[in-house]
Amino acid sequence: MVRFLAEHVSPRCAVNIMGQYHPCGKAFELEGLDRRLSAETYHRAVALARRAGLRLVG
């Protein structure tokens, strides 16, 4: 997704990667949305966004 944003929207688009996701409701029934975000996953997402050349805000 971050590569898509950088290549097809703009490498200057601002991205806010938030680590406070908390599943609720039907999210518990969907694999991948049924758990909180781990610190490792968060840091990997930030690294991917930076490598894609996106500007992180927040």
PDB file of N, CA and C in Angstrom:
ATOM      1  N   MET A   1       0.818  -1.192   0.000  1.00  0.00           N
ATOM      2  CA  MET A   1       0.000   0.000   0.000  1.00  0.00           C
ATOM      3  C   MET A   1       0.862   1.257   0.000  1.00  0.00           C
ATOM      4  N   VAL A   2       1.932   1.286   0.790  1.00  0.00           N
ATOM      5  CA  VAL A   2       2.747   2.504   0.817  1.00  0.00           C
ATOM      6  C   VAL A   2       3.448   2.724  -0.513  1.00  0.00           C
ATOM      7  N   ARG A   3       3.854   1.657  -1.165  1.00  0.00           N
ATOM      8  CA  ARG A   3       4.478   1.795  -2.485  1.00  0.00           C
ATOM      9  C   ARG A   3       3.460   2.345  -3.483  1.00  0.00           C
ATOM     10  N   PHE A   4       2.224   1.853  -3.411  1.00  0.00           N
ATOM     11  CA  PHE A   4       1.164   2.360  -4.283  1.00  0.00           C
ATOM     12  C   PHE A   4       0.973   3.857  -4.073  1.00  0.00           C
ATOM     13  N   LEU A   5       0.907   4.290  -2.814  1.00  0.00           N
ATOM     14  CA  LEU A   5       0.741   5.718  -2.522  1.00  0.00           C
ATOM     15  C   LEU A   5       1.883   6.537  -3.110  1.00  0.00           C
ATOM     16  N   ALA A   6       3.100   6.065  -2.909  1.00  0.00           N
ATOM     17  CA  ALA A   6       4.267   6.808  -3.402  1.00  0.00           C
ATOM     18  C   ALA A   6       4.298   6.868  -4.923  1.00  0.00           C
ATOM     19  N   GLU A   7       3.935   5.767  -5.584  1.00  0.00           N
ATOM     20  CA  GLU A   7       4.046   5.708  -7.037  1.00  0.00           C
ATOM     21  C   GLU A   7       2.833   6.268  -7.776  1.00  0.00           C
ATOM     22  N   HIS A   8       1.636   6.102  -7.215  1.00  0.00           N
ATOM     23  CA  HIS A   8       0.424   6.469  -7.955  1.00  0.00           C
ATOM     24  C   HIS A   8      -0.313   7.680  -7.399  1.00  0.00           C
ATOM     25  N   VAL A   9      -0.041   8.054  -6.187  1.00  0.00           N
ATOM     26  CA  VAL A   9      -0.654   9.257  -5.622  1.00  0.00           C
ATOM     27  C   VAL A   9       0.399  10.360  -5.640  1.00  0.00           C
ATOM     28  N   SER A  10       1.377  10.247  -4.763  1.00  0.00           N
ATOM     29  CA  SER A  10       2.486  11.194  -4.737  1.00  0.00           C
ATOM     30  C   SER A  10       3.469  10.760  -3.665  1.00  0.00           C
ATOM     31  N   PRO A  11       4.754  10.808  -3.955  1.00  0.00           N
ATOM     32  CA  PRO A  11       5.735  10.498  -2.915  1.00  0.00           C
ATOM     33  C   PRO A  11       5.736  11.559  -1.818  1.00  0.00           C
ATOM     34  N   ARG A  12       5.058  12.676  -2.088  1.00  0.00           N
ATOM     35  CA  ARG A  12       4.976  13.748  -1.091  1.00  0.00           C
ATOM     36  C   ARG A  12       3.717  13.663  -0.243  1.00  0.00           C
ATOM     37  N   CYS A  13       2.876  12.640  -0.473  1.00  0.00           N
ATOM     38  CA  CYS A  13       1.660  12.559   0.334  1.00  0.00           C
ATOM     39  C   CYS A  13       2.039  12.197   1.770  1.00  0.00           C
ATOM     40  N   ALA A  14       1.345  12.787   2.696  1.00  0.00           N
ATOM     41  CA  ALA A  14       1.614  12.567   4.115  1.00  0.00           C
ATOM     42  C   ALA A  14       0.858  11.333   4.594  1.00  0.00           C
ATOM     43  N   VAL A  15       1.531  10.518   5.378  1.00  0.00           N
ATOM     44  CA  VAL A  15       0.945   9.282   5.879  1.00  0.00           C
ATOM     45  C   VAL A  15       1.068   9.263   7.395  1.00  0.00           C
ATOM     46  N   ASN A  16       0.007   8.868   8.059  1.00  0.00           N
ATOM     47  CA  ASN A  16       0.012   8.716   9.506  1.00  0.00           C
ATOM     48  C   ASN A  16      -0.195   7.236   9.802  1.00  0.00           C
ATOM     49  N   ILE A  17       0.839   6.569  10.273  1.00  0.00           N
ATOM     50  CA  ILE A  17       0.747   5.153  10.633  1.00  0.00           C
ATOM     51  C   ILE A  17       0.503   5.094  12.133  1.00  0.00           C
ATOM     52  N   MET A  18      -0.667   4.603  12.493  1.00  0.00           N
ATOM     53  CA  MET A  18      -1.067   4.632  13.894  1.00  0.00           C
ATOM     54  C   MET A  18      -0.959   3.246  14.525  1.00  0.00           C
ATOM     55  N   GLY A  19      -0.360   3.190  15.689  1.00  0.00           N
ATOM     56  CA  GLY A  19      -0.144   1.925  16.366  1.00  0.00           C
ATOM     57  C   GLY A  19      -1.197   1.570  17.391  1.00  0.00           C
ATOM     58  N   GLN A  20      -2.230   2.369  17.534  1.00  0.00           N
ATOM     59  CA  GLN A  20      -3.196   2.134  18.606  1.00  0.00           C
ATOM     60  C   GLN A  20      -4.447   1.379  18.175  1.00  0.00           C
ATOM     61  N   TYR A  21      -4.395   0.669  17.057  1.00  0.00           N
ATOM     62  CA  TYR A  21      -5.560  -0.092  16.596  1.00  0.00           C
ATOM     63  C   TYR A  21      -6.041  -1.039  17.693  1.00  0.00           C
ATOM     64  N   HIS A  22      -7.337  -1.072  17.890  1.00  0.00           N
ATOM     65  CA  HIS A  22      -7.952  -1.963  18.880  1.00  0.00           C
ATOM     66  C   HIS A  22      -9.151  -2.630  18.214  1.00  0.00           C
ATOM     67  N   PRO A  23      -9.097  -3.958  18.041  1.00  0.00           N
ATOM     68  CA  PRO A  23     -10.213  -4.629  17.370  1.00  0.00           C
ATOM     69  C   PRO A  23     -11.477  -4.614  18.227  1.00  0.00           C
ATOM     70  N   CYS A  24     -12.607  -4.518  17.565  1.00  0.00           N
ATOM     71  CA  CYS A  24     -13.889  -4.604  18.261  1.00  0.00           C
ATOM     72  C   CYS A  24     -14.941  -5.099  17.283  1.00  0.00           C
ATOM     73  N   GLY A  25     -16.067  -5.489  17.810  1.00  0.00           N
ATOM     74  CA  GLY A  25     -17.175  -5.941  16.973  1.00  0.00           C
ATOM     75  C   GLY A  25     -16.803  -7.121  16.099  1.00  0.00           C
ATOM     76  N   LYS A  26     -17.150  -7.020  14.829  1.00  0.00           N
ATOM     77  CA  LYS A  26     -16.921  -8.112  13.884  1.00  0.00           C
ATOM     78  C   LYS A  26     -15.451  -8.254  13.485  1.00  0.00           C
ATOM     79  N   ALA A  27     -14.610  -7.324  13.883  1.00  0.00           N
ATOM     80  CA  ALA A  27     -13.186  -7.432  13.563  1.00  0.00           C
ATOM     81  C   ALA A  27     -12.595  -8.715  14.138  1.00  0.00           C
ATOM     82  N   PHE A  28     -13.139  -9.191  15.254  1.00  0.00           N
ATOM     83  CA  PHE A  28     -12.636 -10.430  15.862  1.00  0.00           C
ATOM     84  C   PHE A  28     -12.895 -11.645  14.976  1.00  0.00           C
ATOM     85  N   GLU A  29     -13.779 -11.514  14.011  1.00  0.00           N
ATOM     86  CA  GLU A  29     -14.103 -12.617  13.108  1.00  0.00           C
ATOM     87  C   GLU A  29     -13.231 -12.612  11.853  1.00  0.00           C
ATOM     88  N   LEU A  30     -12.409 -11.591  11.674  1.00  0.00           N
ATOM     89  CA  LEU A  30     -11.616 -11.441  10.453  1.00  0.00           C
ATOM     90  C   LEU A  30     -10.126 -11.566  10.768  1.00  0.00           C
ATOM     91  N   GLU A  31      -9.507 -12.592  10.186  1.00  0.00           N
ATOM     92  CA  GLU A  31      -8.083 -12.795  10.404  1.00  0.00           C
ATOM     93  C   GLU A  31      -7.313 -11.568   9.939  1.00  0.00           C
ATOM     94  N   GLY A  32      -6.384 -11.137  10.755  1.00  0.00           N
ATOM     95  CA  GLY A  32      -5.591  -9.950  10.443  1.00  0.00           C
ATOM     96  C   GLY A  32      -6.138  -8.705  11.109  1.00  0.00           C
ATOM     97  N   LEU A  33      -7.446  -8.683  11.342  1.00  0.00           N
ATOM     98  CA  LEU A  33      -8.053  -7.557  12.065  1.00  0.00           C
ATOM     99  C   LEU A  33      -8.429  -7.953  13.486  1.00  0.00           C
ATOM    100  N   ASP A  34      -8.197  -9.219  13.819  1.00  0.00           N
ATOM    101  CA  ASP A  34      -8.662  -9.776  15.087  1.00  0.00           C
ATOM    102  C   ASP A  34      -7.675  -9.617  16.235  1.00  0.00           C
ATOM    103  N   ARG A  35      -6.644  -8.826  16.042  1.00  0.00           N
ATOM    104  CA  ARG A  35      -5.638  -8.647  17.095  1.00  0.00           C
ATOM    105  C   ARG A  35      -5.100  -7.220  17.064  1.00  0.00           C
ATOM    106  N   ARG A  36      -4.506  -6.840  18.180  1.00  0.00           N
ATOM    107  CA  ARG A  36      -3.860  -5.531  18.227  1.00  0.00           C
ATOM    108  C   ARG A  36      -2.598  -5.562  17.385  1.00  0.00           C
ATOM    109  N   LEU A  37      -2.111  -4.422  17.024  1.00  0.00           N
ATOM    110  CA  LEU A  37      -0.898  -4.295  16.241  1.00  0.00           C
ATOM    111  C   LEU A  37       0.319  -4.521  17.135  1.00  0.00           C
ATOM    112  N   SER A  38       1.223  -5.398  16.718  1.00  0.00           N
ATOM    113  CA  SER A  38       2.443  -5.616  17.503  1.00  0.00           C
ATOM    114  C   SER A  38       3.428  -4.483  17.223  1.00  0.00           C
ATOM    115  N   ALA A  39       4.343  -4.271  18.154  1.00  0.00           N
ATOM    116  CA  ALA A  39       5.365  -3.237  17.973  1.00  0.00           C
ATOM    117  C   ALA A  39       6.208  -3.547  16.741  1.00  0.00           C
ATOM    118  N   GLU A  40       6.498  -4.823  16.511  1.00  0.00           N
ATOM    119  CA  GLU A  40       7.297  -5.223  15.349  1.00  0.00           C
ATOM    120  C   GLU A  40       6.582  -4.861  14.044  1.00  0.00           C
ATOM    121  N   THR A  41       5.289  -5.143  13.966  1.00  0.00           N
ATOM    122  CA  THR A  41       4.519  -4.824  12.765  1.00  0.00           C
ATOM    123  C   THR A  41       4.461  -3.320  12.546  1.00  0.00           C
ATOM    124  N   TYR A  42       4.269  -2.570  13.602  1.00  0.00           N
ATOM    125  CA  TYR A  42       4.230  -1.111  13.504  1.00  0.00           C
ATOM    126  C   TYR A  42       5.551  -0.571  12.955  1.00  0.00           C
ATOM    127  N   HIS A  43       6.666  -1.005  13.540  1.00  0.00           N
ATOM    128  CA  HIS A  43       7.973  -0.511  13.109  1.00  0.00           C
ATOM    129  C   HIS A  43       8.296  -0.938  11.675  1.00  0.00           C
ATOM    130  N   ARG A  44       7.830  -2.112  11.295  1.00  0.00           N
ATOM    131  CA  ARG A  44       8.030  -2.564   9.911  1.00  0.00           C
ATOM    132  C   ARG A  44       7.243  -1.678   8.940  1.00  0.00           C
ATOM    133  N   ALA A  45       6.025  -1.309   9.307  1.00  0.00           N
ATOM    134  CA  ALA A  45       5.202  -0.436   8.462  1.00  0.00           C
ATOM    135  C   ALA A  45       5.842   0.941   8.308  1.00  0.00           C
ATOM    136  N   VAL A  46       6.374   1.463   9.391  1.00  0.00           N
ATOM    137  CA  VAL A  46       7.054   2.765   9.342  1.00  0.00           C
ATOM    138  C   VAL A  46       8.275   2.683   8.428  1.00  0.00           C
ATOM    139  N   ALA A  47       9.053   1.623   8.558  1.00  0.00           N
ATOM    140  CA  ALA A  47      10.241   1.454   7.726  1.00  0.00           C
ATOM    141  C   ALA A  47       9.872   1.339   6.244  1.00  0.00           C
ATOM    142  N   LEU A  48       8.817   0.582   5.934  1.00  0.00           N
ATOM    143  CA  LEU A  48       8.374   0.448   4.547  1.00  0.00           C
ATOM    144  C   LEU A  48       7.938   1.793   3.968  1.00  0.00           C
ATOM    145  N   ALA A  49       7.218   2.567   4.760  1.00  0.00           N
ATOM    146  CA  ALA A  49       6.762   3.879   4.295  1.00  0.00           C
ATOM    147  C   ALA A  49       7.951   4.799   4.031  1.00  0.00           C
ATOM    148  N   ARG A  50       8.918   4.785   4.926  1.00  0.00           N
ATOM    149  CA  ARG A  50      10.105   5.634   4.726  1.00  0.00           C
ATOM    150  C   ARG A  50      10.879   5.195   3.497  1.00  0.00           C
ATOM    151  N   ARG A  51      11.035   3.874   3.326  1.00  0.00           N
ATOM    152  CA  ARG A  51      11.744   3.358   2.152  1.00  0.00           C
ATOM    153  C   ARG A  51      11.037   3.732   0.851  1.00  0.00           C
ATOM    154  N   ALA A  52       9.720   3.829   0.911  1.00  0.00           N
ATOM    155  CA  ALA A  52       8.950   4.215  -0.273  1.00  0.00           C
ATOM    156  C   ALA A  52       9.062   5.708  -0.532  1.00  0.00           C
ATOM    157  N   GLY A  53       9.619   6.445   0.419  1.00  0.00           N
ATOM    158  CA  GLY A  53       9.819   7.880   0.239  1.00  0.00           C
ATOM    159  C   GLY A  53       8.683   8.731   0.756  1.00  0.00           C
ATOM    160  N   LEU A  54       7.788   8.140   1.535  1.00  0.00           N
ATOM    161  CA  LEU A  54       6.652   8.898   2.056  1.00  0.00           C
ATOM    162  C   LEU A  54       7.048   9.717   3.274  1.00  0.00           C
ATOM    163  N   ARG A  55       6.338  10.810   3.460  1.00  0.00           N
ATOM    164  CA  ARG A  55       6.564  11.682   4.620  1.00  0.00           C
ATOM    165  C   ARG A  55       5.614  11.238   5.726  1.00  0.00           C
ATOM    166  N   LEU A  56       6.174  10.897   6.856  1.00  0.00           N
ATOM    167  CA  LEU A  56       5.350  10.452   7.978  1.00  0.00           C
ATOM    168  C   LEU A  56       4.993  11.634   8.854  1.00  0.00           C
ATOM    169  N   VAL A  57       3.743  11.676   9.275  1.00  0.00           N
ATOM    170  CA  VAL A  57       3.269  12.749  10.154  1.00  0.00           C
ATOM    171  C   VAL A  57       2.679  12.122  11.407  1.00  0.00           C
ATOM    172  N   GLY A  58       2.533  12.920  12.403  1.00  0.00           N
ATOM    173  CA  GLY A  58       1.869  12.433  13.606  1.00  0.00           C
ATOM    174  C   GLY A  58       2.804  12.335  14.694  1.00  0.00           C
TER     175      GLY A  58
END
